[in-house]
Amino acid sequence: MVSVIQFVSDKTWALSLSTPLATPSQDMLREVLREHARKLKLDRWELSMAQFTMTGVGPSRWAITGEDLDTLETLARKAFKFVQPDVHMLNKWIIAPHTFLRGRLSWAVLHNLETHGLKCQTFVSHCWDEPFYEFLQALRDQYADYARRAFWVCFVANPQSWGKAALDEMLQEYVPFWTAVAECSNVLIVRNRITHIYTRGWCVLELVAAVFHRRTITVRRACTAVQHREACR
């Protein structure tokens, strides 16, 4: 198992690794994230947790384009050379440290600050246990306009660097997914070959929200290999 990220200061952080093949190296991660930050010119954005909830960037504008999800995939492929990460790994090693150092915003809001967030089109309900690249391929296969479509996906929409206690409090108090489902035009349910998504409480609630708000619901399998089709849950 990998150990948790230990944040050393507001400018540097250290990683303690115990599974070399399943986790990226410290130098590799630092370089990947620094390069990404330089490209986006994000050093000027230093917003606090309070500002994140007070600026009026409501949950319906916590979306991200397929093109920006592709950028996240590129970072993941650089950092994880020997394995396909699931969303838990992606969050721990890329999303959380990158957003922690830049105002603790969500990944999606951080990438759409100049437009005051991005209005969602499609709400995506899924399970974090899924292989990340297979998840993205399911979105690409479903939508011809994938690159430009605005997806509401929890692991990039919610501020993952807040820490579990603060994030859980926000999710339970504001229930952002409920607002997002109401504002999106449709809901995509992505199944996977690892875990049945309806063993996950949030997925059940998202389905309830989709039915309550009478959204169009589409189900897609996140299995790219033919032999895995029947294994999707």
C-alpha atoms as a PDB file:
ATOM      1  CA  MET A   1       0.000   0.000   0.000  1.00  0.00           C
ATOM      2  CA  VAL A   2       1.121   3.553  -0.597  1.00  0.00           C
ATOM      3  CA  SER A   3       1.453   5.963   2.257  1.00  0.00           C
ATOM      4  CA  VAL A   4      -0.341   9.290   2.368  1.00  0.00           C
ATOM      5  CA  ILE A   5       0.989  12.499   0.943  1.00  0.00           C
ATOM      6  CA  GLN A   6       2.805  14.574   3.512  1.00  0.00           C
ATOM      7  CA  PHE A   7       2.625  18.281   2.760  1.00  0.00           C
ATOM      8  CA  VAL A   8       5.806  20.002   3.917  1.00  0.00           C
ATOM      9  CA  SER A   9       4.955  23.619   3.182  1.00  0.00           C
ATOM     10  CA  ASP A  10       2.868  25.728   0.863  1.00  0.00           C
ATOM     11  CA  LYS A  11       5.492  25.350  -1.847  1.00  0.00           C
ATOM     12  CA  THR A  12       6.846  21.820  -1.474  1.00  0.00           C
ATOM     13  CA  TRP A  13       5.526  18.407  -0.582  1.00  0.00           C
ATOM     14  CA  ALA A  14       7.125  15.024  -0.050  1.00  0.00           C
ATOM     15  CA  LEU A  15       5.941  11.584  -1.045  1.00  0.00           C
ATOM     16  CA  SER A  16       6.712   8.447   0.868  1.00  0.00           C
ATOM     17  CA  LEU A  17       6.618   5.477  -1.491  1.00  0.00           C
ATOM     18  CA  SER A  18       6.443   1.805  -0.622  1.00  0.00           C
ATOM     19  CA  THR A  19       5.198   0.298  -3.915  1.00  0.00           C
ATOM     20  CA  PRO A  20       7.464   1.565  -6.730  1.00  0.00           C
ATOM     21  CA  LEU A  21       5.520   0.029  -9.616  1.00  0.00           C
ATOM     22  CA  ALA A  22       2.150   1.292  -8.400  1.00  0.00           C
ATOM     23  CA  THR A  23       3.215   4.811  -7.502  1.00  0.00           C
ATOM     24  CA  PRO A  24       5.141   7.496  -9.368  1.00  0.00           C
ATOM     25  CA  SER A  25       8.506   8.694  -8.159  1.00  0.00           C
ATOM     26  CA  GLN A  26       8.774  11.910  -6.149  1.00  0.00           C
ATOM     27  CA  ASP A  27      10.873  13.658  -8.797  1.00  0.00           C
ATOM     28  CA  MET A  28       8.566  12.515 -11.581  1.00  0.00           C
ATOM     29  CA  LEU A  29       5.461  13.854  -9.823  1.00  0.00           C
ATOM     30  CA  ARG A  30       7.061  17.173  -8.998  1.00  0.00           C
ATOM     31  CA  GLU A  31       8.149  17.696 -12.585  1.00  0.00           C
ATOM     32  CA  VAL A  32       4.791  16.642 -14.047  1.00  0.00           C
ATOM     33  CA  LEU A  33       2.833  18.990 -11.789  1.00  0.00           C
ATOM     34  CA  ARG A  34       5.251  21.900 -12.130  1.00  0.00           C
ATOM     35  CA  GLU A  35       5.159  21.616 -15.914  1.00  0.00           C
ATOM     36  CA  HIS A  36       1.367  21.578 -15.866  1.00  0.00           C
ATOM     37  CA  ALA A  37       1.235  24.614 -13.570  1.00  0.00           C
ATOM     38  CA  ARG A  38       3.611  26.527 -15.827  1.00  0.00           C
ATOM     39  CA  LYS A  39       1.458  25.821 -18.876  1.00  0.00           C
ATOM     40  CA  LEU A  40      -1.684  27.056 -17.126  1.00  0.00           C
ATOM     41  CA  LYS A  41       0.116  30.001 -15.457  1.00  0.00           C
ATOM     42  CA  LEU A  42      -1.645  29.233 -12.193  1.00  0.00           C
ATOM     43  CA  ASP A  43       0.869  30.656  -9.751  1.00  0.00           C
ATOM     44  CA  ARG A  44      -1.073  33.927  -9.631  1.00  0.00           C
ATOM     45  CA  TRP A  45      -4.202  32.191  -8.351  1.00  0.00           C
ATOM     46  CA  GLU A  46      -4.106  31.942  -4.553  1.00  0.00           C
ATOM     47  CA  LEU A  47      -7.712  31.595  -3.440  1.00  0.00           C
ATOM     48  CA  SER A  48      -8.831  30.376  -0.035  1.00  0.00           C
ATOM     49  CA  MET A  49     -11.417  27.754   0.811  1.00  0.00           C
ATOM     50  CA  ALA A  50     -13.819  30.519   1.858  1.00  0.00           C
ATOM     51  CA  GLN A  51     -13.376  32.325  -1.445  1.00  0.00           C
ATOM     52  CA  PHE A  52     -14.130  29.103  -3.308  1.00  0.00           C
ATOM     53  CA  THR A  53     -17.608  28.904  -1.782  1.00  0.00           C
ATOM     54  CA  MET A  54     -18.259  32.664  -1.752  1.00  0.00           C
ATOM     55  CA  THR A  55     -17.320  33.737  -5.277  1.00  0.00           C
ATOM     56  CA  GLY A  56     -20.588  32.514  -6.735  1.00  0.00           C
ATOM     57  CA  VAL A  57     -19.033  29.646  -8.667  1.00  0.00           C
ATOM     58  CA  GLY A  58     -21.904  27.337  -7.796  1.00  0.00           C
ATOM     59  CA  PRO A  59     -21.919  23.540  -8.265  1.00  0.00           C
ATOM     60  CA  SER A  60     -23.517  23.711 -11.713  1.00  0.00           C
ATOM     61  CA  ARG A  61     -20.344  25.477 -12.920  1.00  0.00           C
ATOM     62  CA  TRP A  62     -17.889  22.886 -11.577  1.00  0.00           C
ATOM     63  CA  ALA A  63     -17.676  21.157 -14.951  1.00  0.00           C
ATOM     64  CA  ILE A  64     -14.702  20.291 -17.125  1.00  0.00           C
ATOM     65  CA  THR A  65     -14.327  19.679 -20.857  1.00  0.00           C
ATOM     66  CA  GLY A  66     -13.254  16.403 -22.387  1.00  0.00           C
ATOM     67  CA  GLU A  67     -10.188  18.211 -23.680  1.00  0.00           C
ATOM     68  CA  ASP A  68      -9.160  19.095 -20.123  1.00  0.00           C
ATOM     69  CA  LEU A  69      -9.799  15.501 -19.016  1.00  0.00           C
ATOM     70  CA  ASP A  70      -7.403  14.459 -21.779  1.00  0.00           C
ATOM     71  CA  THR A  71      -4.809  16.767 -20.230  1.00  0.00           C
ATOM     72  CA  LEU A  72      -5.301  14.971 -16.924  1.00  0.00           C
ATOM     73  CA  GLU A  73      -4.797  11.655 -18.719  1.00  0.00           C
ATOM     74  CA  THR A  74      -1.537  12.925 -20.200  1.00  0.00           C
ATOM     75  CA  LEU A  75      -0.294  13.828 -16.715  1.00  0.00           C
ATOM     76  CA  ALA A  76      -1.345  10.410 -15.419  1.00  0.00           C
ATOM     77  CA  ARG A  77       0.477   8.561 -18.189  1.00  0.00           C
ATOM     78  CA  LYS A  78       3.633  10.504 -17.410  1.00  0.00           C
ATOM     79  CA  ALA A  79       3.378   9.788 -13.687  1.00  0.00           C
ATOM     80  CA  PHE A  80       2.150   6.170 -13.817  1.00  0.00           C
ATOM     81  CA  LYS A  81       4.319   4.411 -16.357  1.00  0.00           C
ATOM     82  CA  PHE A  82       3.708   0.807 -15.289  1.00  0.00           C
ATOM     83  CA  VAL A  83       0.070   0.691 -14.191  1.00  0.00           C
ATOM     84  CA  GLN A  84      -3.293   2.133 -15.148  1.00  0.00           C
ATOM     85  CA  PRO A  85      -4.384   4.176 -12.138  1.00  0.00           C
ATOM     86  CA  ASP A  86      -7.863   4.131 -10.706  1.00  0.00           C
ATOM     87  CA  VAL A  87      -9.392   7.402  -9.536  1.00  0.00           C
ATOM     88  CA  HIS A  88      -8.219   6.864  -5.945  1.00  0.00           C
ATOM     89  CA  MET A  89      -4.588   6.804  -7.162  1.00  0.00           C
ATOM     90  CA  LEU A  90      -5.151   9.706  -9.533  1.00  0.00           C
ATOM     91  CA  ASN A  91      -6.608  11.827  -6.765  1.00  0.00           C
ATOM     92  CA  LYS A  92      -3.931  11.007  -4.204  1.00  0.00           C
ATOM     93  CA  TRP A  93      -0.903  11.546  -6.420  1.00  0.00           C
ATOM     94  CA  ILE A  94      -1.970  14.220  -8.915  1.00  0.00           C
ATOM     95  CA  ILE A  95      -5.255  16.021  -8.194  1.00  0.00           C
ATOM     96  CA  ALA A  96      -4.912  16.585  -4.442  1.00  0.00           C
ATOM     97  CA  PRO A  97      -1.289  17.846  -4.396  1.00  0.00           C
ATOM     98  CA  HIS A  98      -1.751  20.044  -7.454  1.00  0.00           C
ATOM     99  CA  THR A  99      -4.882  21.751  -6.147  1.00  0.00           C
ATOM    100  CA  PHE A 100      -3.601  21.941  -2.561  1.00  0.00           C
ATOM    101  CA  LEU A 101      -0.849  24.306  -3.626  1.00  0.00           C
ATOM    102  CA  ARG A 102      -3.241  26.532  -5.582  1.00  0.00           C
ATOM    103  CA  GLY A 103      -5.968  27.698  -3.256  1.00  0.00           C
ATOM    104  CA  ARG A 104      -7.473  24.250  -2.618  1.00  0.00           C
ATOM    105  CA  LEU A 105      -9.882  24.754  -5.478  1.00  0.00           C
ATOM    106  CA  SER A 106     -11.312  21.815  -7.342  1.00  0.00           C
ATOM    107  CA  TRP A 107      -9.441  20.697 -10.449  1.00  0.00           C
ATOM    108  CA  ALA A 108     -12.350  21.764 -12.676  1.00  0.00           C
ATOM    109  CA  VAL A 109     -12.763  25.244 -11.155  1.00  0.00           C
ATOM    110  CA  LEU A 110      -9.009  25.791 -11.179  1.00  0.00           C
ATOM    111  CA  HIS A 111      -8.956  25.159 -14.922  1.00  0.00           C
ATOM    112  CA  ASN A 112     -11.861  27.507 -15.626  1.00  0.00           C
ATOM    113  CA  LEU A 113     -11.213  30.449 -13.317  1.00  0.00           C
ATOM    114  CA  GLU A 114     -11.116  33.074 -16.030  1.00  0.00           C
ATOM    115  CA  THR A 115     -14.616  32.094 -17.199  1.00  0.00           C
ATOM    116  CA  HIS A 116     -15.958  31.864 -13.643  1.00  0.00           C
ATOM    117  CA  GLY A 117     -16.334  28.110 -13.908  1.00  0.00           C
ATOM    118  CA  LEU A 118     -17.909  26.076 -16.687  1.00  0.00           C
ATOM    119  CA  LYS A 119     -21.638  25.311 -16.904  1.00  0.00           C
ATOM    120  CA  CYS A 120     -22.257  21.557 -16.907  1.00  0.00           C
ATOM    121  CA  GLN A 121     -23.943  19.696 -19.748  1.00  0.00           C
ATOM    122  CA  THR A 122     -23.598  16.042 -18.726  1.00  0.00           C
ATOM    123  CA  PHE A 123     -23.502  14.699 -15.183  1.00  0.00           C
ATOM    124  CA  VAL A 124     -21.375  11.552 -14.958  1.00  0.00           C
ATOM    125  CA  SER A 125     -22.148   9.000 -12.248  1.00  0.00           C
ATOM    126  CA  HIS A 126     -19.388   6.437 -11.705  1.00  0.00           C
ATOM    127  CA  CYS A 127     -17.246   4.574  -9.173  1.00  0.00           C
ATOM    128  CA  TRP A 128     -13.698   5.533  -8.222  1.00  0.00           C
ATOM    129  CA  ASP A 129     -12.499   1.916  -8.426  1.00  0.00           C
ATOM    130  CA  GLU A 130     -12.650   1.943 -12.213  1.00  0.00           C
ATOM    131  CA  PRO A 131      -9.470   2.092 -14.360  1.00  0.00           C
ATOM    132  CA  PHE A 132      -9.151   5.757 -15.293  1.00  0.00           C
ATOM    133  CA  TYR A 133      -8.260   5.331 -18.970  1.00  0.00           C
ATOM    134  CA  GLU A 134     -11.201   2.988 -19.517  1.00  0.00           C
ATOM    135  CA  PHE A 135     -13.483   5.552 -17.881  1.00  0.00           C
ATOM    136  CA  LEU A 136     -12.327   8.277 -20.270  1.00  0.00           C
ATOM    137  CA  GLN A 137     -12.718   5.984 -23.267  1.00  0.00           C
ATOM    138  CA  ALA A 138     -16.332   5.369 -22.281  1.00  0.00           C
ATOM    139  CA  LEU A 139     -16.960   9.129 -22.423  1.00  0.00           C
ATOM    140  CA  ARG A 140     -15.236   9.408 -25.801  1.00  0.00           C
ATOM    141  CA  ASP A 141     -17.244   6.511 -27.213  1.00  0.00           C
ATOM    142  CA  GLN A 142     -20.511   8.015 -25.974  1.00  0.00           C
ATOM    143  CA  TYR A 143     -20.174  11.579 -27.244  1.00  0.00           C
ATOM    144  CA  ALA A 144     -19.001  12.747 -30.652  1.00  0.00           C
ATOM    145  CA  ASP A 145     -18.443  16.206 -29.147  1.00  0.00           C
ATOM    146  CA  TYR A 146     -16.462  14.770 -26.214  1.00  0.00           C
ATOM    147  CA  ALA A 147     -13.602  17.300 -26.456  1.00  0.00           C
ATOM    148  CA  ARG A 148     -15.927  20.316 -26.111  1.00  0.00           C
ATOM    149  CA  ARG A 149     -18.645  18.801 -23.897  1.00  0.00           C
ATOM    150  CA  ALA A 150     -18.794  20.031 -20.288  1.00  0.00           C
ATOM    151  CA  PHE A 151     -18.841  17.066 -17.897  1.00  0.00           C
ATOM    152  CA  TRP A 152     -19.622  17.179 -14.180  1.00  0.00           C
ATOM    153  CA  VAL A 153     -17.398  14.466 -12.706  1.00  0.00           C
ATOM    154  CA  CYS A 154     -17.075  14.304  -8.922  1.00  0.00           C
ATOM    155  CA  PHE A 155     -13.321  13.749  -8.607  1.00  0.00           C
ATOM    156  CA  VAL A 156     -12.534  16.922 -10.571  1.00  0.00           C
ATOM    157  CA  ALA A 157     -15.657  18.908  -9.618  1.00  0.00           C
ATOM    158  CA  ASN A 158     -15.288  18.666  -5.833  1.00  0.00           C
ATOM    159  CA  PRO A 159     -12.262  20.210  -4.011  1.00  0.00           C
ATOM    160  CA  GLN A 160     -10.361  17.010  -3.222  1.00  0.00           C
ATOM    161  CA  SER A 161      -7.504  18.725  -1.352  1.00  0.00           C
ATOM    162  CA  TRP A 162      -9.760  19.898   1.477  1.00  0.00           C
ATOM    163  CA  GLY A 163      -9.273  16.661   3.389  1.00  0.00           C
ATOM    164  CA  LYS A 164     -11.909  14.030   4.089  1.00  0.00           C
ATOM    165  CA  ALA A 165     -13.588  15.706   7.080  1.00  0.00           C
ATOM    166  CA  ALA A 166     -13.999  19.135   5.463  1.00  0.00           C
ATOM    167  CA  LEU A 167     -15.029  17.662   2.118  1.00  0.00           C
ATOM    168  CA  ASP A 168     -17.606  15.336   3.676  1.00  0.00           C
ATOM    169  CA  GLU A 169     -19.059  18.262   5.639  1.00  0.00           C
ATOM    170  CA  MET A 170     -19.393  20.339   2.480  1.00  0.00           C
ATOM    171  CA  LEU A 171     -20.914  17.465   0.502  1.00  0.00           C
ATOM    172  CA  GLN A 172     -23.487  16.737   3.199  1.00  0.00           C
ATOM    173  CA  GLU A 173     -24.374  20.385   3.813  1.00  0.00           C
ATOM    174  CA  TYR A 174     -24.543  21.673   0.251  1.00  0.00           C
ATOM    175  CA  VAL A 175     -25.087  18.386  -1.669  1.00  0.00           C
ATOM    176  CA  PRO A 176     -23.507  19.864  -4.821  1.00  0.00           C
ATOM    177  CA  PHE A 177     -24.308  16.849  -6.994  1.00  0.00           C
ATOM    178  CA  TRP A 178     -28.054  17.467  -6.516  1.00  0.00           C
ATOM    179  CA  THR A 179     -27.726  21.004  -7.893  1.00  0.00           C
ATOM    180  CA  ALA A 180     -25.501  19.794 -10.719  1.00  0.00           C
ATOM    181  CA  VAL A 181     -27.927  17.062 -11.792  1.00  0.00           C
ATOM    182  CA  ALA A 182     -30.756  19.611 -11.818  1.00  0.00           C
ATOM    183  CA  GLU A 183     -28.755  21.935 -14.079  1.00  0.00           C
ATOM    184  CA  CYS A 184     -27.300  19.325 -16.445  1.00  0.00           C
ATOM    185  CA  SER A 185     -29.211  18.307 -19.552  1.00  0.00           C
ATOM    186  CA  ASN A 186     -28.573  14.587 -19.109  1.00  0.00           C
ATOM    187  CA  VAL A 187     -26.949  11.971 -16.861  1.00  0.00           C
ATOM    188  CA  LEU A 188     -24.442   9.340 -17.969  1.00  0.00           C
ATOM    189  CA  ILE A 189     -23.987   6.279 -15.743  1.00  0.00           C
ATOM    190  CA  VAL A 190     -20.621   4.609 -16.333  1.00  0.00           C
ATOM    191  CA  ARG A 191     -20.335   0.996 -15.249  1.00  0.00           C
ATOM    192  CA  ASN A 192     -16.982  -0.727 -14.738  1.00  0.00           C
ATOM    193  CA  ARG A 193     -15.445  -4.191 -14.448  1.00  0.00           C
ATOM    194  CA  ILE A 194     -14.162  -3.763 -10.891  1.00  0.00           C
ATOM    195  CA  THR A 195     -17.015  -2.718  -8.595  1.00  0.00           C
ATOM    196  CA  HIS A 196     -20.788  -2.604  -8.885  1.00  0.00           C
ATOM    197  CA  ILE A 197     -21.492   1.128  -8.758  1.00  0.00           C
ATOM    198  CA  TYR A 198     -24.635   0.708  -6.672  1.00  0.00           C
ATOM    199  CA  THR A 199     -22.641  -0.654  -3.760  1.00  0.00           C
ATOM    200  CA  ARG A 200     -21.529   2.981  -3.513  1.00  0.00           C
ATOM    201  CA  GLY A 201     -23.949   5.219  -1.641  1.00  0.00           C
ATOM    202  CA  TRP A 202     -23.239   8.360  -3.643  1.00  0.00           C
ATOM    203  CA  CYS A 203     -24.127   6.561  -6.896  1.00  0.00           C
ATOM    204  CA  VAL A 204     -27.487   5.554  -5.460  1.00  0.00           C
ATOM    205  CA  LEU A 205     -28.198   9.164  -4.464  1.00  0.00           C
ATOM    206  CA  GLU A 206     -27.128  10.409  -7.883  1.00  0.00           C
ATOM    207  CA  LEU A 207     -29.582   8.024  -9.524  1.00  0.00           C
ATOM    208  CA  VAL A 208     -32.318   9.258  -7.194  1.00  0.00           C
ATOM    209  CA  ALA A 209     -31.466  12.850  -8.180  1.00  0.00           C
ATOM    210  CA  ALA A 210     -31.554  11.975 -11.885  1.00  0.00           C
ATOM    211  CA  VAL A 211     -34.998  10.383 -11.564  1.00  0.00           C
ATOM    212  CA  PHE A 212     -36.301  13.202  -9.338  1.00  0.00           C
ATOM    213  CA  HIS A 213     -35.198  15.885 -11.800  1.00  0.00           C
ATOM    214  CA  ARG A 214     -36.391  13.797 -14.767  1.00  0.00           C
ATOM    215  CA  ARG A 215     -33.046  13.853 -16.519  1.00  0.00           C
ATOM    216  CA  THR A 216     -32.376  11.668 -19.552  1.00  0.00           C
ATOM    217  CA  ILE A 217     -30.298   8.723 -18.287  1.00  0.00           C
ATOM    218  CA  THR A 218     -27.813   6.774 -20.414  1.00  0.00           C
ATOM    219  CA  VAL A 219     -25.805   3.776 -19.213  1.00  0.00           C
ATOM    220  CA  ARG A 220     -22.338   3.100 -20.623  1.00  0.00           C
ATOM    221  CA  ARG A 221     -19.793   0.381 -19.929  1.00  0.00           C
ATOM    222  CA  ALA A 222     -16.219   1.439 -19.142  1.00  0.00           C
ATOM    223  CA  CYS A 223     -14.696  -1.757 -20.524  1.00  0.00           C
ATOM    224  CA  THR A 224     -12.450  -1.367 -23.532  1.00  0.00           C
ATOM    225  CA  ALA A 225     -11.448  -5.006 -24.003  1.00  0.00           C
ATOM    226  CA  VAL A 226     -13.991  -7.409 -25.508  1.00  0.00           C
ATOM    227  CA  GLN A 227     -13.286 -10.036 -22.855  1.00  0.00           C
ATOM    228  CA  HIS A 228     -14.268  -7.565 -20.142  1.00  0.00           C
ATOM    229  CA  ARG A 229     -17.661  -6.570 -21.569  1.00  0.00           C
ATOM    230  CA  GLU A 230     -19.675  -9.043 -19.570  1.00  0.00           C
ATOM    231  CA  ALA A 231     -17.739  -8.194 -16.400  1.00  0.00           C
ATOM    232  CA  CYS A 232     -18.962  -4.591 -16.275  1.00  0.00           C
ATOM    233  CA  ARG A 233     -21.042  -3.972 -13.187  1.00  0.00           C
END
